[in-house]
Amino acid sequence: MKTRITSVLPLHNLATFSSSNLYIADYPKIINNRGVVLFKQEPNDIKCVYLSNPIQISVCFDGFKDNALPIIIGNHIEQSEQCECVVFPDRCDEMDWVLFVETKYANDITAALNEIRGYPNKAIDQIIATVKYFRDKGIIAQDKKVSAIIAFPILVGDFNSTIFSSDLAEKIFLKYKIRIRGTNSATIISEKRIKLNSD
């Protein structure tokens, strides 16, 4: 998978980590220009998505910069909608899990469900579009089941049921082969299994 990302998206910077604790943050442009970052230690300046990795599986991380997924149409380039990043085991076996992450830094559940800002539908669309891009470009197989998190790192507690009805999550899985959950954390069980947690 790393080779295919590098071939299709040569400007992407893949990084490898094997820490027992992994933290994904998306820094706003108005604060600094760091973008999407993965840390081995929890930063004190931003809330994160937490990946517990108790057996320290070596994982590969691709944090997407703005306009990271170009689509060439005729003589011009358009940009696909995208989520924040993708994480997957570094060994890149075809049967390994793949996790896509989208973060929204809403301060409360009302803001998290703000239809004017398009939440949470925009987040769902960004995940679906990113997975579609990866499938269309041959980075992952068309029939591969993948996992996805829509995270609200500032919110505490279980907000999955507020975002997804069981019917909606099932429809997304059946139509797009994406196992999606609203959560701020996941646990890496092995190269083949990742658990999307209930916060």
C-alpha atoms as a PDB file:
ATOM      1  CA  MET A   1       0.000   0.000   0.000  1.00  0.00           C
ATOM      2  CA  LYS A   2       2.887   2.367   0.769  1.00  0.00           C
ATOM      3  CA  THR A   3       4.304   1.783  -2.700  1.00  0.00           C
ATOM      4  CA  ARG A   4       0.953   2.518  -4.324  1.00  0.00           C
ATOM      5  CA  ILE A   5       0.478   5.736  -2.321  1.00  0.00           C
ATOM      6  CA  THR A   6       3.987   6.879  -3.230  1.00  0.00           C
ATOM      7  CA  SER A   7       3.360   6.071  -6.889  1.00  0.00           C
ATOM      8  CA  VAL A   8      -0.070   7.749  -7.126  1.00  0.00           C
ATOM      9  CA  LEU A   9       0.603  10.586  -4.661  1.00  0.00           C
ATOM     10  CA  PRO A  10       4.368  11.286  -4.813  1.00  0.00           C
ATOM     11  CA  LEU A  11       4.119  14.508  -2.778  1.00  0.00           C
ATOM     12  CA  HIS A  12       2.738  12.696   0.273  1.00  0.00           C
ATOM     13  CA  ASN A  13       5.038  12.114   3.244  1.00  0.00           C
ATOM     14  CA  LEU A  14       4.494   8.722   4.863  1.00  0.00           C
ATOM     15  CA  ALA A  15       5.761   8.218   8.407  1.00  0.00           C
ATOM     16  CA  THR A  16       6.112   5.022  10.450  1.00  0.00           C
ATOM     17  CA  PHE A  17       5.405   4.708  14.188  1.00  0.00           C
ATOM     18  CA  SER A  18       5.395   1.790  16.640  1.00  0.00           C
ATOM     19  CA  SER A  19       4.574   3.428  19.961  1.00  0.00           C
ATOM     20  CA  SER A  20       1.987   1.973  22.350  1.00  0.00           C
ATOM     21  CA  ASN A  21       0.138   5.330  22.326  1.00  0.00           C
ATOM     22  CA  LEU A  22      -0.566   7.318  19.169  1.00  0.00           C
ATOM     23  CA  TYR A  23      -2.287  10.704  18.970  1.00  0.00           C
ATOM     24  CA  ILE A  24      -3.669  12.295  15.799  1.00  0.00           C
ATOM     25  CA  ALA A  25      -4.235  16.064  15.775  1.00  0.00           C
ATOM     26  CA  ASP A  26      -5.373  18.464  13.088  1.00  0.00           C
ATOM     27  CA  TYR A  27      -3.970  21.906  13.800  1.00  0.00           C
ATOM     28  CA  PRO A  28      -6.085  24.801  12.491  1.00  0.00           C
ATOM     29  CA  LYS A  29      -4.372  27.065   9.964  1.00  0.00           C
ATOM     30  CA  ILE A  30      -5.059  30.121  12.110  1.00  0.00           C
ATOM     31  CA  ILE A  31      -2.931  28.684  14.950  1.00  0.00           C
ATOM     32  CA  ASN A  32       0.000  27.406  12.914  1.00  0.00           C
ATOM     33  CA  ASN A  33       0.659  25.592   9.689  1.00  0.00           C
ATOM     34  CA  ARG A  34       1.402  22.135  11.110  1.00  0.00           C
ATOM     35  CA  GLY A  35      -1.641  20.455   9.587  1.00  0.00           C
ATOM     36  CA  VAL A  36      -2.423  16.840  10.471  1.00  0.00           C
ATOM     37  CA  VAL A  37       0.193  15.331  12.786  1.00  0.00           C
ATOM     38  CA  LEU A  38       0.671  11.995  14.550  1.00  0.00           C
ATOM     39  CA  PHE A  39       2.415  12.059  17.934  1.00  0.00           C
ATOM     40  CA  LYS A  40       3.817   9.340  20.203  1.00  0.00           C
ATOM     41  CA  GLN A  41       3.127  11.488  23.267  1.00  0.00           C
ATOM     42  CA  GLU A  42      -0.051  13.431  23.891  1.00  0.00           C
ATOM     43  CA  PRO A  43       0.475  17.116  23.079  1.00  0.00           C
ATOM     44  CA  ASN A  44      -0.699  19.699  25.613  1.00  0.00           C
ATOM     45  CA  ASP A  45      -1.803  22.326  23.087  1.00  0.00           C
ATOM     46  CA  ILE A  46      -4.565  20.434  21.245  1.00  0.00           C
ATOM     47  CA  LYS A  47      -7.060  17.594  21.787  1.00  0.00           C
ATOM     48  CA  CYS A  48      -6.431  14.453  19.753  1.00  0.00           C
ATOM     49  CA  VAL A  49      -7.809  11.227  18.370  1.00  0.00           C
ATOM     50  CA  TYR A  50      -6.231   8.445  20.441  1.00  0.00           C
ATOM     51  CA  LEU A  51      -5.041   5.126  19.021  1.00  0.00           C
ATOM     52  CA  SER A  52      -4.139   2.596  21.685  1.00  0.00           C
ATOM     53  CA  ASN A  53      -1.460   0.252  20.340  1.00  0.00           C
ATOM     54  CA  PRO A  54      -0.657  -2.084  23.262  1.00  0.00           C
ATOM     55  CA  ILE A  55       1.452  -4.559  21.287  1.00  0.00           C
ATOM     56  CA  GLN A  56       3.201  -1.733  19.421  1.00  0.00           C
ATOM     57  CA  ILE A  57       2.273  -2.702  15.884  1.00  0.00           C
ATOM     58  CA  SER A  58       4.337  -0.676  13.439  1.00  0.00           C
ATOM     59  CA  VAL A  59       1.898   1.600  11.585  1.00  0.00           C
ATOM     60  CA  CYS A  60       2.185   3.888   8.600  1.00  0.00           C
ATOM     61  CA  PHE A  61       0.608   7.366   8.739  1.00  0.00           C
ATOM     62  CA  ASP A  62      -0.291   9.670   5.851  1.00  0.00           C
ATOM     63  CA  GLY A  63      -1.517  13.044   7.117  1.00  0.00           C
ATOM     64  CA  PHE A  64      -3.196  14.843   4.243  1.00  0.00           C
ATOM     65  CA  LYS A  65      -2.307  18.434   3.459  1.00  0.00           C
ATOM     66  CA  ASP A  66      -4.873  20.715   1.778  1.00  0.00           C
ATOM     67  CA  ASN A  67      -5.825  19.544  -1.713  1.00  0.00           C
ATOM     68  CA  ALA A  68      -3.955  16.278  -1.218  1.00  0.00           C
ATOM     69  CA  LEU A  69      -6.085  14.172  -3.590  1.00  0.00           C
ATOM     70  CA  PRO A  70      -5.947  15.699  -7.089  1.00  0.00           C
ATOM     71  CA  ILE A  71      -8.225  14.557  -9.915  1.00  0.00           C
ATOM     72  CA  ILE A  72      -7.129  15.350 -13.463  1.00  0.00           C
ATOM     73  CA  ILE A  73     -10.135  16.173 -15.663  1.00  0.00           C
ATOM     74  CA  GLY A  74      -9.229  17.133 -19.222  1.00  0.00           C
ATOM     75  CA  ASN A  75      -6.741  19.987 -19.014  1.00  0.00           C
ATOM     76  CA  HIS A  76      -7.377  20.992 -15.428  1.00  0.00           C
ATOM     77  CA  ILE A  77      -7.028  19.570 -11.936  1.00  0.00           C
ATOM     78  CA  GLU A  78      -9.883  19.350  -9.462  1.00  0.00           C
ATOM     79  CA  GLN A  79      -9.574  18.329  -5.837  1.00  0.00           C
ATOM     80  CA  SER A  80     -11.416  15.419  -4.304  1.00  0.00           C
ATOM     81  CA  GLU A  81     -13.019  15.912  -0.907  1.00  0.00           C
ATOM     82  CA  GLN A  82     -10.795  14.383   1.722  1.00  0.00           C
ATOM     83  CA  CYS A  83     -10.611  13.426   5.353  1.00  0.00           C
ATOM     84  CA  GLU A  84      -7.618  14.143   7.619  1.00  0.00           C
ATOM     85  CA  CYS A  85      -5.473  11.045   7.264  1.00  0.00           C
ATOM     86  CA  VAL A  86      -5.103   7.329   6.741  1.00  0.00           C
ATOM     87  CA  VAL A  87      -3.337   4.872   9.068  1.00  0.00           C
ATOM     88  CA  PHE A  88      -2.505   1.225   8.356  1.00  0.00           C
ATOM     89  CA  PRO A  89      -0.022  -1.466   9.456  1.00  0.00           C
ATOM     90  CA  ASP A  90       3.433  -0.835   8.030  1.00  0.00           C
ATOM     91  CA  ARG A  91       3.812  -4.407   6.763  1.00  0.00           C
ATOM     92  CA  CYS A  92       1.102  -3.618   4.141  1.00  0.00           C
ATOM     93  CA  ASP A  93      -0.525  -7.036   3.871  1.00  0.00           C
ATOM     94  CA  GLU A  94      -3.691  -6.969   1.725  1.00  0.00           C
ATOM     95  CA  MET A  95      -5.722  -8.424   4.630  1.00  0.00           C
ATOM     96  CA  ASP A  96      -4.609  -5.755   7.142  1.00  0.00           C
ATOM     97  CA  TRP A  97      -6.941  -3.069   8.452  1.00  0.00           C
ATOM     98  CA  VAL A  98      -6.985   0.438   7.028  1.00  0.00           C
ATOM     99  CA  LEU A  99      -8.298   3.359   9.105  1.00  0.00           C
ATOM    100  CA  PHE A 100      -9.442   6.719   7.728  1.00  0.00           C
ATOM    101  CA  VAL A 101      -9.873   9.582  10.218  1.00  0.00           C
ATOM    102  CA  GLU A 102     -11.879  12.805   9.988  1.00  0.00           C
ATOM    103  CA  THR A 103     -11.800  15.309  12.853  1.00  0.00           C
ATOM    104  CA  LYS A 104     -14.106  18.196  13.651  1.00  0.00           C
ATOM    105  CA  TYR A 105     -13.146  20.517  16.490  1.00  0.00           C
ATOM    106  CA  ALA A 106     -16.645  21.453  17.646  1.00  0.00           C
ATOM    107  CA  ASN A 107     -16.951  22.784  21.216  1.00  0.00           C
ATOM    108  CA  ASP A 108     -20.267  21.124  22.025  1.00  0.00           C
ATOM    109  CA  ILE A 109     -22.774  18.636  20.615  1.00  0.00           C
ATOM    110  CA  THR A 110     -24.931  21.445  19.180  1.00  0.00           C
ATOM    111  CA  ALA A 111     -21.973  22.685  17.137  1.00  0.00           C
ATOM    112  CA  ALA A 112     -21.104  19.088  16.211  1.00  0.00           C
ATOM    113  CA  LEU A 113     -24.543  18.699  14.633  1.00  0.00           C
ATOM    114  CA  ASN A 114     -24.671  22.173  13.046  1.00  0.00           C
ATOM    115  CA  GLU A 115     -26.381  21.664   9.681  1.00  0.00           C
ATOM    116  CA  ILE A 116     -25.303  25.123   8.479  1.00  0.00           C
ATOM    117  CA  ARG A 117     -21.678  23.950   8.726  1.00  0.00           C
ATOM    118  CA  GLY A 118     -22.716  20.627   7.223  1.00  0.00           C
ATOM    119  CA  TYR A 119     -21.870  18.507  10.274  1.00  0.00           C
ATOM    120  CA  PRO A 120     -21.951  15.547  10.458  1.00  0.00           C
ATOM    121  CA  ASN A 121     -22.927  14.912   6.816  1.00  0.00           C
ATOM    122  CA  LYS A 122     -19.879  16.741   5.478  1.00  0.00           C
ATOM    123  CA  ALA A 123     -17.611  14.541   7.589  1.00  0.00           C
ATOM    124  CA  ILE A 124     -19.331  11.400   6.268  1.00  0.00           C
ATOM    125  CA  ASP A 125     -18.994  12.686   2.690  1.00  0.00           C
ATOM    126  CA  GLN A 126     -15.279  13.414   3.223  1.00  0.00           C
ATOM    127  CA  ILE A 127     -14.648   9.862   4.453  1.00  0.00           C
ATOM    128  CA  ILE A 128     -16.614   8.308   1.583  1.00  0.00           C
ATOM    129  CA  ALA A 129     -14.865  10.506  -1.014  1.00  0.00           C
ATOM    130  CA  THR A 130     -11.406   9.683   0.350  1.00  0.00           C
ATOM    131  CA  VAL A 131     -12.082   5.945   0.365  1.00  0.00           C
ATOM    132  CA  LYS A 132     -13.501   6.189  -3.173  1.00  0.00           C
ATOM    133  CA  TYR A 133     -10.382   8.041  -4.327  1.00  0.00           C
ATOM    134  CA  PHE A 134      -8.132   5.339  -2.828  1.00  0.00           C
ATOM    135  CA  ARG A 135     -10.221   2.635  -4.534  1.00  0.00           C
ATOM    136  CA  ASP A 136     -10.405   4.408  -7.905  1.00  0.00           C
ATOM    137  CA  LYS A 137      -6.629   4.955  -7.919  1.00  0.00           C
ATOM    138  CA  GLY A 138      -5.952   1.300  -7.061  1.00  0.00           C
ATOM    139  CA  ILE A 139      -4.373   2.105  -3.679  1.00  0.00           C
ATOM    140  CA  ILE A 140      -6.871  -0.201  -1.976  1.00  0.00           C
ATOM    141  CA  ALA A 141      -8.996  -2.895  -3.587  1.00  0.00           C
ATOM    142  CA  GLN A 142     -12.560  -2.057  -4.653  1.00  0.00           C
ATOM    143  CA  ASP A 143     -14.011  -4.728  -2.356  1.00  0.00           C
ATOM    144  CA  LYS A 144     -11.751  -4.153   0.678  1.00  0.00           C
ATOM    145  CA  LYS A 145     -13.573  -3.432   3.930  1.00  0.00           C
ATOM    146  CA  VAL A 146     -12.058  -0.415   5.690  1.00  0.00           C
ATOM    147  CA  SER A 147     -12.635   1.375   8.989  1.00  0.00           C
ATOM    148  CA  ALA A 148     -13.282   5.060   9.585  1.00  0.00           C
ATOM    149  CA  ILE A 149     -13.603   7.395  12.542  1.00  0.00           C
ATOM    150  CA  ILE A 150     -15.427  10.699  12.657  1.00  0.00           C
ATOM    151  CA  ALA A 151     -13.969  12.337  15.748  1.00  0.00           C
ATOM    152  CA  PHE A 152     -14.876  15.377  17.799  1.00  0.00           C
ATOM    153  CA  PRO A 153     -11.753  15.500  20.008  1.00  0.00           C
ATOM    154  CA  ILE A 154     -13.012  18.323  22.245  1.00  0.00           C
ATOM    155  CA  LEU A 155     -16.231  16.467  23.096  1.00  0.00           C
ATOM    156  CA  VAL A 156     -16.183  13.977  25.944  1.00  0.00           C
ATOM    157  CA  GLY A 157     -18.537  11.017  26.107  1.00  0.00           C
ATOM    158  CA  ASP A 158     -20.259   8.794  23.591  1.00  0.00           C
ATOM    159  CA  PHE A 159     -21.568  10.815  20.652  1.00  0.00           C
ATOM    160  CA  ASN A 160     -21.736   7.935  18.144  1.00  0.00           C
ATOM    161  CA  SER A 161     -25.484   7.403  18.547  1.00  0.00           C
ATOM    162  CA  THR A 162     -26.071  11.136  18.076  1.00  0.00           C
ATOM    163  CA  ILE A 163     -24.272  11.058  14.718  1.00  0.00           C
ATOM    164  CA  PHE A 164     -25.173   7.608  13.432  1.00  0.00           C
ATOM    165  CA  SER A 165     -28.313   5.595  13.702  1.00  0.00           C
ATOM    166  CA  SER A 166     -27.613   1.886  13.413  1.00  0.00           C
ATOM    167  CA  ASP A 167     -29.438   2.009  10.056  1.00  0.00           C
ATOM    168  CA  LEU A 168     -27.172   4.758   8.679  1.00  0.00           C
ATOM    169  CA  ALA A 169     -23.964   3.008   9.779  1.00  0.00           C
ATOM    170  CA  GLU A 170     -25.220  -0.246   8.229  1.00  0.00           C
ATOM    171  CA  LYS A 171     -26.177   1.490   4.963  1.00  0.00           C
ATOM    172  CA  ILE A 172     -22.712   3.050   4.715  1.00  0.00           C
ATOM    173  CA  PHE A 173     -21.116  -0.333   5.336  1.00  0.00           C
ATOM    174  CA  LEU A 174     -23.288  -2.173   2.802  1.00  0.00           C
ATOM    175  CA  LYS A 175     -22.926   0.485   0.082  1.00  0.00           C
ATOM    176  CA  TYR A 176     -19.304   1.584   0.578  1.00  0.00           C
ATOM    177  CA  LYS A 177     -17.709  -1.231   2.636  1.00  0.00           C
ATOM    178  CA  ILE A 178     -16.761   1.346   5.282  1.00  0.00           C
ATOM    179  CA  ARG A 179     -17.202   0.420   8.943  1.00  0.00           C
ATOM    180  CA  ILE A 180     -17.709   3.910  10.380  1.00  0.00           C
ATOM    181  CA  ARG A 181     -18.115   5.182  13.932  1.00  0.00           C
ATOM    182  CA  GLY A 182     -18.303   8.491  15.755  1.00  0.00           C
ATOM    183  CA  THR A 183     -15.553   8.158  18.359  1.00  0.00           C
ATOM    184  CA  ASN A 184     -12.344   9.779  19.554  1.00  0.00           C
ATOM    185  CA  SER A 185     -10.406   6.537  19.934  1.00  0.00           C
ATOM    186  CA  ALA A 186      -9.584   3.105  18.592  1.00  0.00           C
ATOM    187  CA  THR A 187      -7.543   0.134  19.764  1.00  0.00           C
ATOM    188  CA  ILE A 188      -5.119  -1.669  17.492  1.00  0.00           C
ATOM    189  CA  ILE A 189      -5.542  -5.366  18.294  1.00  0.00           C
ATOM    190  CA  SER A 190      -3.221  -6.772  15.602  1.00  0.00           C
ATOM    191  CA  GLU A 191      -2.275  -6.116  11.983  1.00  0.00           C
ATOM    192  CA  LYS A 192      -5.589  -7.668  10.969  1.00  0.00           C
ATOM    193  CA  ARG A 193      -7.877  -6.119  13.608  1.00  0.00           C
ATOM    194  CA  ILE A 194      -8.648  -2.627  14.866  1.00  0.00           C
ATOM    195  CA  LYS A 195     -11.463  -1.867  17.306  1.00  0.00           C
ATOM    196  CA  LEU A 196     -13.369   1.414  17.010  1.00  0.00           C
ATOM    197  CA  ASN A 197     -14.066   2.288  20.628  1.00  0.00           C
ATOM    198  CA  SER A 198     -17.118   3.621  22.429  1.00  0.00           C
ATOM    199  CA  ASP A 199     -15.978   6.748  24.266  1.00  0.00           C
END
